[in-house]
């Protein structure tokens, strides 16, 4: 794998390359009028942690009223968790909304590949965790995100870096799928072999 010395490239701040804003939640959050079966997705951290790179489904969906009181996101938008579970980025690939436990990176500069930004945020996860403010739940201030140093190589180098990392992610996804199939096969074998239906005859 070719190594790139990003420190020799242009160094600036995340907020210089994207409009960064915090999500919002309809209140009270449990009110049924804010939810629907077919509206925009309501992104929660479990949706993010159960996805890899792209978010294409959520467990809950908002009504039009709920969406009005939240922050809308769509395909291609990069978001990151900033509450409780800190610094988990994902690229949105659906019509959805984020609550105040996420920040949205909107209007990303043409000088930045969104996938490169996604991987860069992953790189900074531990730093974001260390900067989170203590409380009932850890919370990362939006201004800290905006002021985070951001190394920006040329677009060509960004795409080369992304290509390497995507190839590894694809291999991981393939292994994960293979493992899930083996687990399902094992469960089927256990049921077949141990339920008494198989005899010595």
N, C-alpha and C. Protein backbone atom coordinates (compact mmCIF):
# COMPACT_ATOMS: atom_id res chain seq x y z
N UNK A 1 0.84 -1.19 0.00
CA UNK A 1 0.00 0.00 0.00
C UNK A 1 0.88 1.24 0.00
N UNK A 2 0.67 2.10 -0.97
CA UNK A 2 1.47 3.32 -1.05
C UNK A 2 1.11 4.26 0.09
N UNK A 3 2.13 4.88 0.67
CA UNK A 3 1.92 5.81 1.79
C UNK A 3 1.89 7.24 1.27
N UNK A 4 0.96 8.03 1.82
CA UNK A 4 0.86 9.43 1.43
C UNK A 4 1.14 10.31 2.65
N UNK A 5 2.04 11.25 2.49
CA UNK A 5 2.37 12.15 3.59
C UNK A 5 1.40 13.33 3.55
N UNK A 6 0.28 13.17 4.25
CA UNK A 6 -0.76 14.20 4.19
C UNK A 6 -0.32 15.51 4.83
N UNK A 7 0.68 15.44 5.74
CA UNK A 7 1.11 16.65 6.41
C UNK A 7 1.79 17.62 5.45
N UNK A 8 2.20 17.13 4.30
CA UNK A 8 2.82 18.00 3.32
C UNK A 8 1.77 18.70 2.45
N UNK A 9 0.53 18.28 2.57
CA UNK A 9 -0.55 18.88 1.79
C UNK A 9 -1.17 20.04 2.58
N UNK A 10 -2.19 20.62 2.01
CA UNK A 10 -2.82 21.78 2.63
C UNK A 10 -3.58 21.39 3.90
N UNK A 11 -3.31 22.08 4.98
CA UNK A 11 -3.96 21.81 6.26
C UNK A 11 -4.88 22.98 6.60
N UNK A 12 -6.13 22.65 6.90
CA UNK A 12 -7.07 23.69 7.28
C UNK A 12 -8.06 23.11 8.28
N UNK A 13 -9.27 23.64 8.35
CA UNK A 13 -10.25 23.15 9.32
C UNK A 13 -11.47 22.59 8.61
N UNK A 14 -12.13 21.65 9.27
CA UNK A 14 -13.30 21.02 8.67
C UNK A 14 -14.36 22.05 8.27
N UNK A 15 -14.55 23.04 9.13
CA UNK A 15 -15.57 24.04 8.88
C UNK A 15 -15.30 24.91 7.66
N UNK A 16 -14.06 24.86 7.14
CA UNK A 16 -13.74 25.64 5.94
C UNK A 16 -14.18 24.93 4.66
N UNK A 17 -14.51 23.64 4.78
CA UNK A 17 -14.81 22.85 3.59
C UNK A 17 -16.24 22.32 3.54
N UNK A 18 -17.01 22.61 4.58
CA UNK A 18 -18.40 22.16 4.59
C UNK A 18 -19.20 23.00 5.58
N UNK A 19 -20.49 23.11 5.30
CA UNK A 19 -21.40 23.74 6.25
C UNK A 19 -21.78 22.67 7.27
N UNK A 20 -21.44 22.90 8.52
CA UNK A 20 -21.65 21.90 9.57
C UNK A 20 -22.73 22.40 10.52
N UNK A 21 -23.79 21.63 10.64
CA UNK A 21 -24.86 22.02 11.56
C UNK A 21 -25.36 20.82 12.35
N UNK A 22 -25.88 21.10 13.51
CA UNK A 22 -26.40 20.06 14.38
C UNK A 22 -27.83 19.72 14.01
N UNK A 23 -28.21 18.46 14.25
CA UNK A 23 -29.57 18.04 14.00
C UNK A 23 -30.53 18.61 15.04
N UNK A 24 -31.80 18.27 14.91
CA UNK A 24 -32.83 18.75 15.84
C UNK A 24 -33.88 17.67 16.04
N UNK A 25 -34.51 17.70 17.20
CA UNK A 25 -35.50 16.68 17.54
C UNK A 25 -36.87 17.28 17.79
N UNK A 26 -37.92 16.68 17.26
CA UNK A 26 -39.28 17.11 17.61
C UNK A 26 -39.54 16.78 19.08
N UNK A 27 -40.15 17.69 19.80
CA UNK A 27 -40.41 17.48 21.24
C UNK A 27 -41.91 17.54 21.53
N UNK A 28 -42.39 16.69 22.45
CA UNK A 28 -41.66 15.60 23.11
C UNK A 28 -41.36 14.47 22.13
N UNK A 29 -40.20 13.85 22.26
CA UNK A 29 -39.71 12.93 21.26
C UNK A 29 -40.58 11.69 21.10
N UNK A 30 -41.31 11.30 22.14
CA UNK A 30 -42.12 10.09 22.05
C UNK A 30 -43.52 10.30 21.50
N UNK A 31 -43.86 11.53 21.13
CA UNK A 31 -45.21 11.83 20.65
C UNK A 31 -45.47 11.15 19.31
N UNK A 32 -46.54 10.35 19.24
CA UNK A 32 -46.85 9.56 18.05
C UNK A 32 -47.11 10.41 16.81
N UNK A 33 -47.53 11.68 17.00
CA UNK A 33 -47.84 12.51 15.84
C UNK A 33 -46.60 12.85 15.01
N UNK A 34 -45.43 12.65 15.60
CA UNK A 34 -44.20 12.95 14.87
C UNK A 34 -43.69 11.76 14.05
N UNK A 35 -44.37 10.63 14.14
CA UNK A 35 -43.87 9.43 13.47
C UNK A 35 -44.85 8.89 12.44
N UNK A 36 -44.32 8.13 11.49
CA UNK A 36 -45.12 7.60 10.40
C UNK A 36 -44.51 6.28 9.94
N UNK A 37 -45.24 5.57 9.09
CA UNK A 37 -44.72 4.31 8.55
C UNK A 37 -44.00 4.49 7.22
N UNK A 38 -44.17 5.65 6.59
CA UNK A 38 -43.62 5.81 5.24
C UNK A 38 -43.01 7.19 4.99
N UNK A 39 -42.65 7.90 6.04
CA UNK A 39 -42.02 9.21 5.86
C UNK A 39 -40.51 9.08 5.77
N UNK A 40 -39.80 10.19 5.92
CA UNK A 40 -38.33 10.13 5.91
C UNK A 40 -37.82 9.34 7.12
N UNK A 41 -36.69 8.69 6.94
CA UNK A 41 -36.13 7.90 8.04
C UNK A 41 -35.73 8.77 9.22
N UNK A 42 -35.86 8.21 10.41
CA UNK A 42 -35.45 8.90 11.64
C UNK A 42 -34.16 8.21 12.10
N UNK A 43 -33.01 8.85 11.85
CA UNK A 43 -31.72 8.20 12.08
C UNK A 43 -31.35 8.21 13.55
N UNK A 44 -31.08 7.02 14.06
CA UNK A 44 -30.58 6.87 15.41
C UNK A 44 -29.24 6.15 15.37
N UNK A 45 -28.51 6.19 16.47
CA UNK A 45 -27.16 5.65 16.46
C UNK A 45 -27.16 4.16 16.13
N UNK A 46 -28.18 3.42 16.52
CA UNK A 46 -28.20 1.99 16.20
C UNK A 46 -28.32 1.76 14.69
N UNK A 47 -28.94 2.70 13.98
CA UNK A 47 -29.01 2.58 12.52
C UNK A 47 -27.62 2.77 11.91
N UNK A 48 -26.85 3.67 12.51
CA UNK A 48 -25.50 3.95 12.01
C UNK A 48 -24.55 2.80 12.32
N UNK A 49 -24.58 2.31 13.56
CA UNK A 49 -23.65 1.25 13.95
C UNK A 49 -23.95 -0.08 13.28
N UNK A 50 -25.15 -0.26 12.78
CA UNK A 50 -25.49 -1.50 12.09
C UNK A 50 -25.28 -1.39 10.58
N UNK A 51 -24.78 -0.23 10.12
CA UNK A 51 -24.53 0.00 8.70
C UNK A 51 -23.03 0.14 8.46
N UNK A 52 -22.62 -0.03 7.20
CA UNK A 52 -21.22 0.17 6.84
C UNK A 52 -21.14 1.15 5.67
N UNK A 53 -20.50 2.26 5.92
CA UNK A 53 -20.29 3.34 4.94
C UNK A 53 -21.57 4.06 4.54
N UNK A 54 -22.58 3.32 4.08
CA UNK A 54 -23.82 3.96 3.60
C UNK A 54 -25.01 3.57 4.47
N UNK A 55 -25.83 4.56 4.79
CA UNK A 55 -27.05 4.32 5.56
C UNK A 55 -28.23 4.25 4.60
N UNK A 56 -28.86 3.08 4.51
CA UNK A 56 -29.93 2.89 3.53
C UNK A 56 -31.26 2.50 4.17
N UNK A 57 -31.29 2.35 5.49
CA UNK A 57 -32.55 2.03 6.16
C UNK A 57 -32.48 2.45 7.62
N UNK A 58 -33.65 2.73 8.18
CA UNK A 58 -33.76 3.07 9.59
C UNK A 58 -34.89 2.25 10.21
N UNK A 59 -34.89 2.18 11.52
CA UNK A 59 -35.95 1.44 12.20
C UNK A 59 -37.22 2.25 12.33
N UNK A 60 -37.09 3.59 12.37
CA UNK A 60 -38.25 4.46 12.54
C UNK A 60 -38.31 5.50 11.43
N UNK A 61 -39.52 6.04 11.22
CA UNK A 61 -39.74 7.04 10.18
C UNK A 61 -40.60 8.17 10.74
N UNK A 62 -40.38 9.37 10.22
CA UNK A 62 -41.08 10.54 10.72
C UNK A 62 -42.27 10.93 9.86
N UNK A 63 -43.24 11.57 10.48
CA UNK A 63 -44.34 12.18 9.74
C UNK A 63 -43.84 13.51 9.17
N UNK A 64 -44.67 14.16 8.36
CA UNK A 64 -44.29 15.47 7.82
C UNK A 64 -44.03 16.47 8.94
N UNK A 65 -44.87 16.41 9.99
CA UNK A 65 -44.71 17.32 11.13
C UNK A 65 -43.39 17.06 11.85
N UNK A 66 -43.08 15.78 12.03
CA UNK A 66 -41.82 15.43 12.70
C UNK A 66 -40.62 15.90 11.90
N UNK A 67 -40.69 15.74 10.58
CA UNK A 67 -39.58 16.15 9.72
C UNK A 67 -39.38 17.66 9.76
N UNK A 68 -40.49 18.42 9.87
CA UNK A 68 -40.40 19.87 9.93
C UNK A 68 -39.62 20.34 11.15
N UNK A 69 -39.69 19.56 12.22
CA UNK A 69 -39.04 19.94 13.47
C UNK A 69 -37.66 19.30 13.63
N UNK A 70 -37.19 18.62 12.59
CA UNK A 70 -35.88 18.00 12.62
C UNK A 70 -35.00 18.63 11.54
N UNK A 71 -33.90 17.98 11.19
CA UNK A 71 -33.01 18.45 10.12
C UNK A 71 -32.96 17.39 9.03
N UNK A 72 -33.37 17.78 7.84
CA UNK A 72 -33.47 16.84 6.73
C UNK A 72 -32.10 16.55 6.13
N UNK A 73 -31.87 15.30 5.77
CA UNK A 73 -30.65 14.89 5.08
C UNK A 73 -31.06 14.00 3.90
N UNK A 74 -30.14 13.85 2.94
CA UNK A 74 -30.47 13.05 1.77
C UNK A 74 -29.25 12.36 1.21
N UNK A 75 -29.42 11.64 0.09
CA UNK A 75 -28.33 10.88 -0.51
C UNK A 75 -27.08 11.74 -0.75
N UNK A 76 -25.95 11.22 -0.30
CA UNK A 76 -24.68 11.91 -0.47
C UNK A 76 -24.25 12.74 0.72
N UNK A 77 -25.17 13.04 1.64
CA UNK A 77 -24.82 13.81 2.83
C UNK A 77 -23.99 12.95 3.79
N UNK A 78 -23.01 13.59 4.42
CA UNK A 78 -22.19 12.93 5.43
C UNK A 78 -22.64 13.43 6.80
N UNK A 79 -22.90 12.49 7.71
CA UNK A 79 -23.28 12.86 9.08
C UNK A 79 -22.35 12.15 10.06
N UNK A 80 -22.34 12.64 11.31
CA UNK A 80 -21.50 12.02 12.34
C UNK A 80 -22.18 12.15 13.69
N UNK A 81 -22.09 11.12 14.51
CA UNK A 81 -22.70 11.14 15.84
C UNK A 81 -21.85 11.97 16.79
N UNK A 82 -22.51 12.77 17.64
CA UNK A 82 -21.79 13.63 18.59
C UNK A 82 -22.34 13.52 20.01
N UNK A 83 -23.15 12.51 20.26
CA UNK A 83 -23.74 12.35 21.59
C UNK A 83 -23.70 10.89 22.00
N UNK A 84 -23.24 10.61 23.21
CA UNK A 84 -23.14 9.25 23.75
C UNK A 84 -22.10 8.44 22.98
N UNK A 85 -22.46 7.93 21.81
CA UNK A 85 -21.49 7.30 20.92
C UNK A 85 -20.92 8.39 20.03
N UNK A 86 -19.67 8.74 20.26
CA UNK A 86 -19.07 9.92 19.63
C UNK A 86 -18.26 9.54 18.40
N UNK A 87 -18.39 10.35 17.35
CA UNK A 87 -17.50 10.26 16.21
C UNK A 87 -17.73 9.13 15.25
N UNK A 88 -18.99 8.68 15.11
CA UNK A 88 -19.28 7.63 14.14
C UNK A 88 -19.87 8.26 12.88
N UNK A 89 -19.11 8.30 11.78
CA UNK A 89 -19.61 8.90 10.54
C UNK A 89 -20.35 7.88 9.69
N UNK A 90 -21.17 8.38 8.79
CA UNK A 90 -21.87 7.54 7.82
C UNK A 90 -22.27 8.43 6.65
N UNK A 91 -22.35 7.84 5.47
CA UNK A 91 -22.84 8.57 4.29
C UNK A 91 -24.30 8.18 4.08
N UNK A 92 -25.17 9.16 4.08
CA UNK A 92 -26.61 8.91 3.94
C UNK A 92 -26.93 8.55 2.50
N UNK A 93 -27.77 7.54 2.32
CA UNK A 93 -28.19 7.14 0.98
C UNK A 93 -29.71 6.95 0.95
N UNK A 94 -30.42 7.88 1.58
CA UNK A 94 -31.87 7.83 1.64
C UNK A 94 -32.39 9.18 2.11
N UNK A 95 -33.68 9.38 2.01
CA UNK A 95 -34.32 10.57 2.54
C UNK A 95 -34.52 10.34 4.04
N UNK A 96 -33.97 11.22 4.87
CA UNK A 96 -34.02 10.98 6.31
C UNK A 96 -33.88 12.29 7.08
N UNK A 97 -33.89 12.17 8.41
CA UNK A 97 -33.71 13.31 9.30
C UNK A 97 -32.77 12.92 10.43
N UNK A 98 -32.06 13.91 10.98
CA UNK A 98 -31.17 13.66 12.11
C UNK A 98 -31.60 14.47 13.32
N UNK A 99 -31.45 13.86 14.49
CA UNK A 99 -31.73 14.58 15.74
C UNK A 99 -30.46 15.27 16.22
N UNK A 100 -30.52 15.88 17.41
CA UNK A 100 -29.39 16.69 17.88
C UNK A 100 -28.21 15.87 18.38
N UNK A 101 -28.25 14.56 18.20
CA UNK A 101 -27.11 13.72 18.51
C UNK A 101 -26.20 13.53 17.31
N UNK A 102 -26.48 14.26 16.22
CA UNK A 102 -25.67 14.16 15.00
C UNK A 102 -25.35 15.55 14.48
N UNK A 103 -24.27 15.63 13.68
CA UNK A 103 -24.00 16.83 12.89
C UNK A 103 -24.03 16.44 11.42
N UNK A 104 -24.41 17.40 10.59
CA UNK A 104 -24.48 17.22 9.15
C UNK A 104 -23.38 18.02 8.47
N UNK A 105 -22.66 17.38 7.55
CA UNK A 105 -21.67 18.06 6.72
C UNK A 105 -22.34 18.31 5.36
N UNK A 106 -22.76 19.55 5.16
CA UNK A 106 -23.55 19.89 3.97
C UNK A 106 -22.74 20.82 3.06
N UNK A 107 -23.10 20.82 1.77
CA UNK A 107 -22.41 21.69 0.81
C UNK A 107 -20.90 21.50 0.87
N UNK A 108 -20.48 20.25 0.81
CA UNK A 108 -19.05 19.92 0.87
C UNK A 108 -18.34 20.52 -0.35
N UNK A 109 -17.19 21.10 -0.11
CA UNK A 109 -16.41 21.74 -1.17
C UNK A 109 -16.11 20.77 -2.32
N UNK A 110 -16.03 21.32 -3.52
CA UNK A 110 -15.68 20.51 -4.68
C UNK A 110 -14.25 19.98 -4.57
N UNK A 111 -13.47 20.53 -3.66
CA UNK A 111 -12.09 20.08 -3.46
C UNK A 111 -12.01 18.84 -2.56
N UNK A 112 -13.15 18.39 -2.05
CA UNK A 112 -13.16 17.27 -1.12
C UNK A 112 -14.08 16.15 -1.60
N UNK A 113 -13.54 14.95 -1.69
CA UNK A 113 -14.33 13.77 -2.01
C UNK A 113 -15.10 13.37 -0.74
N UNK A 114 -16.44 13.29 -0.79
CA UNK A 114 -17.21 12.94 0.41
C UNK A 114 -16.75 11.64 1.08
N UNK A 115 -16.32 10.67 0.27
CA UNK A 115 -15.84 9.42 0.85
C UNK A 115 -14.52 9.63 1.59
N UNK A 116 -13.69 10.52 1.09
CA UNK A 116 -12.45 10.87 1.79
C UNK A 116 -12.79 11.51 3.13
N UNK A 117 -13.76 12.41 3.14
CA UNK A 117 -14.21 13.04 4.37
C UNK A 117 -14.70 11.98 5.35
N UNK A 118 -15.47 11.02 4.86
CA UNK A 118 -15.98 9.94 5.70
C UNK A 118 -14.83 9.21 6.39
N UNK A 119 -13.82 8.82 5.64
CA UNK A 119 -12.69 8.09 6.23
C UNK A 119 -11.87 8.98 7.16
N UNK A 120 -11.74 10.27 6.82
CA UNK A 120 -11.02 11.18 7.68
C UNK A 120 -11.72 11.30 9.05
N UNK A 121 -13.04 11.36 9.05
CA UNK A 121 -13.78 11.43 10.31
C UNK A 121 -13.57 10.17 11.13
N UNK A 122 -13.50 9.01 10.46
CA UNK A 122 -13.19 7.78 11.17
C UNK A 122 -11.82 7.89 11.84
N UNK A 123 -10.85 8.47 11.13
CA UNK A 123 -9.51 8.65 11.68
C UNK A 123 -9.55 9.45 12.98
N UNK A 124 -10.45 10.41 13.06
CA UNK A 124 -10.52 11.32 14.20
C UNK A 124 -11.45 10.84 15.33
N UNK A 125 -11.99 9.65 15.21
CA UNK A 125 -12.96 9.17 16.20
C UNK A 125 -12.44 9.25 17.63
N UNK A 126 -11.25 8.71 17.87
CA UNK A 126 -10.71 8.71 19.24
C UNK A 126 -10.45 10.12 19.74
N UNK A 127 -10.02 11.00 18.85
CA UNK A 127 -9.81 12.39 19.28
C UNK A 127 -11.14 13.04 19.63
N UNK A 128 -12.16 12.83 18.82
CA UNK A 128 -13.47 13.38 19.13
C UNK A 128 -13.98 12.85 20.47
N UNK A 129 -13.77 11.56 20.71
CA UNK A 129 -14.19 10.96 21.98
C UNK A 129 -13.48 11.63 23.15
N UNK A 130 -12.20 11.93 22.99
CA UNK A 130 -11.43 12.55 24.08
C UNK A 130 -11.85 13.99 24.34
N UNK A 131 -12.44 14.64 23.34
CA UNK A 131 -12.84 16.04 23.48
C UNK A 131 -14.29 16.21 23.90
N UNK A 132 -15.01 15.10 24.01
CA UNK A 132 -16.43 15.16 24.37
C UNK A 132 -16.60 15.69 25.79
N UNK A 133 -17.64 16.48 25.97
CA UNK A 133 -17.92 17.08 27.27
C UNK A 133 -18.70 16.09 28.13
N UNK A 134 -18.29 15.91 29.40
CA UNK A 134 -18.98 14.96 30.29
C UNK A 134 -20.36 15.47 30.67
N UNK A 135 -21.22 14.56 31.06
CA UNK A 135 -22.58 14.89 31.49
C UNK A 135 -23.39 13.63 31.60
N UNK A 136 -24.70 13.75 31.59
CA UNK A 136 -25.56 12.57 31.60
C UNK A 136 -25.17 11.66 30.44
N UNK A 137 -24.90 12.28 29.29
CA UNK A 137 -24.33 11.60 28.13
C UNK A 137 -23.21 12.47 27.58
N UNK A 138 -22.12 11.84 27.16
CA UNK A 138 -21.04 12.61 26.56
C UNK A 138 -21.56 13.34 25.33
N UNK A 139 -21.04 14.55 25.13
CA UNK A 139 -21.54 15.39 24.06
C UNK A 139 -20.39 16.14 23.42
N UNK A 140 -20.32 16.13 22.10
CA UNK A 140 -19.26 16.83 21.38
C UNK A 140 -19.79 18.13 20.82
N UNK A 141 -19.16 19.22 21.19
CA UNK A 141 -19.58 20.54 20.74
C UNK A 141 -19.36 20.71 19.24
N UNK A 142 -20.35 21.27 18.56
CA UNK A 142 -20.26 21.46 17.11
C UNK A 142 -19.07 22.33 16.72
N UNK A 143 -18.74 23.33 17.55
CA UNK A 143 -17.62 24.21 17.24
C UNK A 143 -16.30 23.46 17.24
N UNK A 144 -16.19 22.44 18.09
CA UNK A 144 -14.97 21.63 18.10
C UNK A 144 -14.82 20.90 16.78
N UNK A 145 -15.93 20.39 16.27
CA UNK A 145 -15.90 19.71 14.97
C UNK A 145 -15.47 20.67 13.88
N UNK A 146 -16.04 21.86 13.87
CA UNK A 146 -15.72 22.84 12.84
C UNK A 146 -14.25 23.23 12.85
N UNK A 147 -13.65 23.29 14.05
CA UNK A 147 -12.27 23.75 14.18
C UNK A 147 -11.24 22.63 14.07
N UNK A 148 -11.70 21.41 13.84
CA UNK A 148 -10.78 20.28 13.73
C UNK A 148 -9.90 20.41 12.49
N UNK A 149 -8.58 20.26 12.68
CA UNK A 149 -7.64 20.34 11.56
C UNK A 149 -7.97 19.28 10.52
N UNK A 150 -7.94 19.69 9.26
CA UNK A 150 -8.35 18.81 8.17
C UNK A 150 -7.27 18.82 7.09
N UNK A 151 -6.61 17.68 6.90
CA UNK A 151 -5.59 17.57 5.86
C UNK A 151 -6.26 17.27 4.53
N UNK A 152 -5.99 18.08 3.56
CA UNK A 152 -6.66 17.93 2.26
C UNK A 152 -5.63 17.77 1.15
N UNK A 153 -5.33 16.54 0.76
CA UNK A 153 -4.46 16.34 -0.41
C UNK A 153 -5.23 16.67 -1.68
N UNK A 154 -4.60 16.55 -2.82
CA UNK A 154 -5.28 16.80 -4.08
C UNK A 154 -6.42 15.79 -4.26
N UNK A 155 -7.37 16.14 -5.10
CA UNK A 155 -8.48 15.22 -5.35
C UNK A 155 -7.98 13.88 -5.89
N UNK A 156 -6.94 13.93 -6.71
CA UNK A 156 -6.39 12.69 -7.25
C UNK A 156 -5.89 11.79 -6.12
N UNK A 157 -5.16 12.38 -5.17
CA UNK A 157 -4.66 11.58 -4.05
C UNK A 157 -5.80 11.11 -3.16
N UNK A 158 -6.81 11.98 -2.98
CA UNK A 158 -7.97 11.57 -2.18
C UNK A 158 -8.61 10.32 -2.77
N UNK A 159 -8.81 10.33 -4.07
CA UNK A 159 -9.46 9.20 -4.73
C UNK A 159 -8.59 7.94 -4.67
N UNK A 160 -7.28 8.09 -4.72
CA UNK A 160 -6.38 6.95 -4.58
C UNK A 160 -6.49 6.35 -3.19
N UNK A 161 -6.52 7.21 -2.18
CA UNK A 161 -6.65 6.76 -0.80
C UNK A 161 -7.99 6.06 -0.60
N UNK A 162 -9.05 6.69 -1.09
CA UNK A 162 -10.40 6.12 -0.95
C UNK A 162 -10.47 4.75 -1.62
N UNK A 163 -9.87 4.63 -2.80
CA UNK A 163 -9.91 3.37 -3.53
C UNK A 163 -9.29 2.23 -2.72
N UNK A 164 -8.16 2.51 -2.08
CA UNK A 164 -7.50 1.49 -1.24
C UNK A 164 -8.41 1.09 -0.09
N UNK A 165 -8.97 2.07 0.59
CA UNK A 165 -9.79 1.78 1.78
C UNK A 165 -11.11 1.11 1.42
N UNK A 166 -11.71 1.51 0.29
CA UNK A 166 -12.96 0.88 -0.15
C UNK A 166 -12.72 -0.59 -0.49
N UNK A 167 -11.59 -0.89 -1.11
CA UNK A 167 -11.28 -2.29 -1.43
C UNK A 167 -11.20 -3.13 -0.16
N UNK A 168 -10.58 -2.59 0.88
CA UNK A 168 -10.52 -3.31 2.14
C UNK A 168 -11.89 -3.45 2.78
N UNK A 169 -12.69 -2.39 2.72
CA UNK A 169 -14.05 -2.46 3.26
C UNK A 169 -14.88 -3.50 2.53
N UNK A 170 -14.71 -3.58 1.21
CA UNK A 170 -15.44 -4.59 0.43
C UNK A 170 -15.07 -6.00 0.86
N UNK A 171 -13.79 -6.22 1.13
CA UNK A 171 -13.34 -7.53 1.59
C UNK A 171 -13.94 -7.85 2.96
N UNK A 172 -13.97 -6.85 3.82
CA UNK A 172 -14.56 -7.05 5.16
C UNK A 172 -16.05 -7.38 5.04
N UNK A 173 -16.76 -6.65 4.16
CA UNK A 173 -18.19 -6.91 3.95
C UNK A 173 -18.41 -8.33 3.43
N UNK A 174 -17.53 -8.77 2.52
CA UNK A 174 -17.66 -10.11 1.96
C UNK A 174 -17.45 -11.17 3.04
N UNK A 175 -16.46 -10.96 3.89
CA UNK A 175 -16.20 -11.90 4.98
C UNK A 175 -17.35 -11.91 5.98
N UNK A 176 -17.92 -10.73 6.23
CA UNK A 176 -19.05 -10.64 7.16
C UNK A 176 -20.26 -11.41 6.62
N UNK A 177 -20.51 -11.24 5.32
CA UNK A 177 -21.63 -11.95 4.69
C UNK A 177 -21.40 -13.45 4.74
N UNK A 178 -20.16 -13.87 4.46
CA UNK A 178 -19.83 -15.30 4.49
C UNK A 178 -20.01 -15.85 5.90
N UNK A 179 -19.59 -15.09 6.90
CA UNK A 179 -19.75 -15.54 8.29
C UNK A 179 -21.22 -15.69 8.65
N UNK A 180 -22.04 -14.71 8.23
CA UNK A 180 -23.47 -14.77 8.54
C UNK A 180 -24.11 -16.01 7.91
N UNK A 181 -23.68 -16.35 6.69
CA UNK A 181 -24.21 -17.55 6.03
C UNK A 181 -23.80 -18.82 6.77
N UNK A 182 -22.55 -18.85 7.25
CA UNK A 182 -22.08 -20.02 8.00
C UNK A 182 -22.83 -20.15 9.32
N UNK A 183 -23.08 -19.03 9.98
CA UNK A 183 -23.83 -19.06 11.24
C UNK A 183 -25.24 -19.59 11.01
N UNK A 184 -25.88 -19.12 9.92
CA UNK A 184 -27.23 -19.59 9.60
C UNK A 184 -27.22 -21.08 9.27
N UNK A 185 -26.21 -21.52 8.54
CA UNK A 185 -26.09 -22.94 8.19
C UNK A 185 -25.88 -23.78 9.44
N UNK A 186 -25.06 -23.30 10.35
CA UNK A 186 -24.82 -24.02 11.61
C UNK A 186 -26.12 -24.17 12.40
N UNK A 187 -26.89 -23.06 12.48
CA UNK A 187 -28.16 -23.11 13.21
C UNK A 187 -29.10 -24.13 12.59
N UNK A 188 -29.12 -24.18 11.25
CA UNK A 188 -29.97 -25.15 10.55
C UNK A 188 -29.51 -26.58 10.83
N UNK A 189 -28.21 -26.80 10.86
CA UNK A 189 -27.67 -28.13 11.14
C UNK A 189 -27.97 -28.56 12.56
N UNK A 190 -27.85 -27.63 13.50
CA UNK A 190 -28.16 -27.96 14.90
C UNK A 190 -29.61 -28.40 15.03
N UNK A 191 -30.49 -27.65 14.37
CA UNK A 191 -31.92 -27.98 14.43
C UNK A 191 -32.17 -29.35 13.79
N UNK A 192 -31.52 -29.64 12.68
CA UNK A 192 -31.71 -30.90 11.98
C UNK A 192 -31.11 -32.08 12.73
N UNK A 193 -29.90 -31.90 13.26
CA UNK A 193 -29.16 -33.00 13.86
C UNK A 193 -29.58 -33.31 15.30
N UNK A 194 -30.12 -32.32 15.98
CA UNK A 194 -30.40 -32.51 17.40
C UNK A 194 -31.87 -32.54 17.78
N UNK A 195 -32.75 -32.48 16.79
CA UNK A 195 -34.17 -32.49 17.14
C UNK A 195 -34.78 -33.89 17.16
N UNK A 196 -33.94 -34.91 16.93
CA UNK A 196 -34.41 -36.28 17.00
C UNK A 196 -34.91 -36.83 15.68
N UNK A 197 -34.87 -35.99 14.62
CA UNK A 197 -35.39 -36.48 13.34
C UNK A 197 -34.38 -37.35 12.60
N UNK A 198 -33.09 -37.21 12.98
CA UNK A 198 -32.06 -38.03 12.34
C UNK A 198 -31.81 -39.26 13.19
N UNK A 199 -31.94 -40.44 12.60
CA UNK A 199 -31.75 -41.70 13.32
C UNK A 199 -30.56 -42.46 12.76
N UNK A 200 -30.20 -43.54 13.43
CA UNK A 200 -29.07 -44.36 12.96
C UNK A 200 -29.43 -45.25 11.78
N UNK A 201 -30.72 -45.36 11.46
CA UNK A 201 -31.14 -46.23 10.36
C UNK A 201 -30.84 -45.60 9.02
